[in-house]
Amino acid sequence: MKQSYVYILKCSDNSYYTGITSNLTKRIEEHKTGKHNNSYTYTRRPLSLVYYAEFTDINLAIQTEKQIKKWSRVKKEALISGDFEKLPNLAKKNFDK
């Protein structure tokens, strides 16, 4: 079975980028070298890989990537730091600001 990866990069502006790939090493290198000059990460380099998860089911990987992209910064940081018990109680977005 082919592996897929969902990953989170921390950008130089402290934002997070969530992506999906079948070749994590190659894709991270593309982000770091700025291969795609119209991408979100291009002007936010340098970047660091702060989280990744492996999947054998591409559909589950796609679903997970879409889910994480909707999460608040706080919820993403809980995932990154491994505070899994906090995830269910963190709101998707804070609309009170």
Protein backbone atom coordinates (compact mmCIF):
# COMPACT_ATOMS: atom_id res chain seq x y z
CA MET A 1 0.00 0.00 0.00
CA LYS A 2 1.17 3.48 -0.80
CA GLN A 3 1.84 5.79 2.13
CA SER A 4 0.35 9.27 2.33
CA TYR A 5 1.28 11.97 4.79
CA VAL A 6 -0.58 14.90 6.30
CA TYR A 7 1.87 17.48 7.57
CA ILE A 8 1.99 20.85 9.28
CA LEU A 9 4.70 23.41 8.67
CA LYS A 10 5.40 26.38 10.89
CA CYS A 11 6.21 29.41 8.77
CA SER A 12 8.54 32.32 9.53
CA ASP A 13 5.50 34.55 10.22
CA ASN A 14 4.36 31.98 12.86
CA SER A 15 1.43 30.82 10.74
CA TYR A 16 0.79 27.14 10.05
CA TYR A 17 0.45 25.45 6.69
CA THR A 18 -1.24 22.04 6.44
CA GLY A 19 -0.65 19.84 3.42
CA ILE A 20 -0.79 16.32 2.07
CA THR A 21 1.74 14.35 0.04
CA SER A 22 2.86 10.85 -0.89
CA ASN A 23 6.55 11.79 -0.55
CA LEU A 24 7.13 13.79 2.62
CA THR A 25 10.87 14.35 2.22
CA LYS A 26 10.54 15.61 -1.35
CA ARG A 27 7.56 17.84 -0.57
CA ILE A 28 9.21 19.48 2.46
CA GLU A 29 12.32 20.16 0.35
CA GLU A 30 10.11 21.77 -2.32
CA HIS A 31 8.57 24.04 0.31
CA LYS A 32 11.95 24.97 1.79
CA THR A 33 13.56 25.76 -1.57
CA GLY A 34 10.53 27.67 -2.86
CA LYS A 35 9.90 25.45 -5.87
CA HIS A 36 6.35 26.79 -6.27
CA ASN A 37 6.59 30.59 -6.20
CA ASN A 38 2.82 31.08 -6.01
CA SER A 39 2.35 28.86 -2.95
CA TYR A 40 1.35 30.03 0.54
CA THR A 41 4.72 29.08 1.99
CA TYR A 42 6.92 30.75 -0.66
CA THR A 43 7.09 34.16 1.04
CA ARG A 44 6.92 32.67 4.53
CA ARG A 45 10.24 30.82 4.49
CA PRO A 46 12.17 29.56 6.40
CA LEU A 47 9.83 26.75 7.39
CA SER A 48 9.96 23.93 9.90
CA LEU A 49 8.10 20.65 9.90
CA VAL A 50 6.25 20.51 13.23
CA TYR A 51 3.87 17.58 12.71
CA TYR A 52 3.13 14.73 10.35
CA ALA A 53 0.97 11.61 10.33
CA GLU A 54 1.18 8.58 8.03
CA PHE A 55 -1.82 7.04 6.29
CA THR A 56 -2.29 3.95 4.15
CA ASP A 57 -5.75 5.14 3.04
CA ILE A 58 -5.49 8.25 0.83
CA ASN A 59 -9.15 9.08 1.42
CA LEU A 60 -8.61 9.22 5.16
CA ALA A 61 -5.52 11.38 4.63
CA ILE A 62 -7.49 13.84 2.48
CA GLN A 63 -10.30 13.94 5.02
CA THR A 64 -7.82 14.57 7.85
CA GLU A 65 -6.05 17.36 5.97
CA LYS A 66 -9.36 19.13 5.28
CA GLN A 67 -10.36 18.74 8.93
CA ILE A 68 -7.09 20.15 10.29
CA LYS A 69 -7.25 23.12 7.90
CA LYS A 70 -10.54 24.15 9.56
CA TRP A 71 -9.09 24.01 13.07
CA SER A 72 -8.15 27.01 15.15
CA ARG A 73 -4.51 27.78 15.85
CA VAL A 74 -4.93 26.57 19.45
CA LYS A 75 -6.31 23.24 18.32
CA LYS A 76 -3.49 22.78 15.79
CA GLU A 77 -0.95 23.54 18.52
CA ALA A 78 -2.56 20.94 20.80
CA LEU A 79 -2.16 18.37 18.01
CA ILE A 80 1.45 19.42 17.39
CA SER A 81 2.36 19.15 21.07
CA GLY A 82 0.58 15.81 21.46
CA ASP A 83 -2.15 17.09 23.81
CA PHE A 84 -4.72 14.79 22.21
CA GLU A 85 -7.10 14.89 25.18
CA LYS A 86 -7.63 18.63 24.57
CA LEU A 87 -8.68 18.27 20.93
CA PRO A 88 -12.40 17.47 21.40
CA ASN A 89 -12.99 20.52 23.59
CA LEU A 90 -11.22 23.14 21.50
CA ALA A 91 -13.44 25.29 19.29
CA LYS A 92 -12.95 25.32 15.54
CA LYS A 93 -12.80 29.11 15.40
CA ASN A 94 -13.05 32.06 17.76
CA PHE A 95 -15.56 34.41 16.13
CA ASP A 96 -15.72 36.84 19.08
CA LYS A 97 -12.70 38.88 17.98
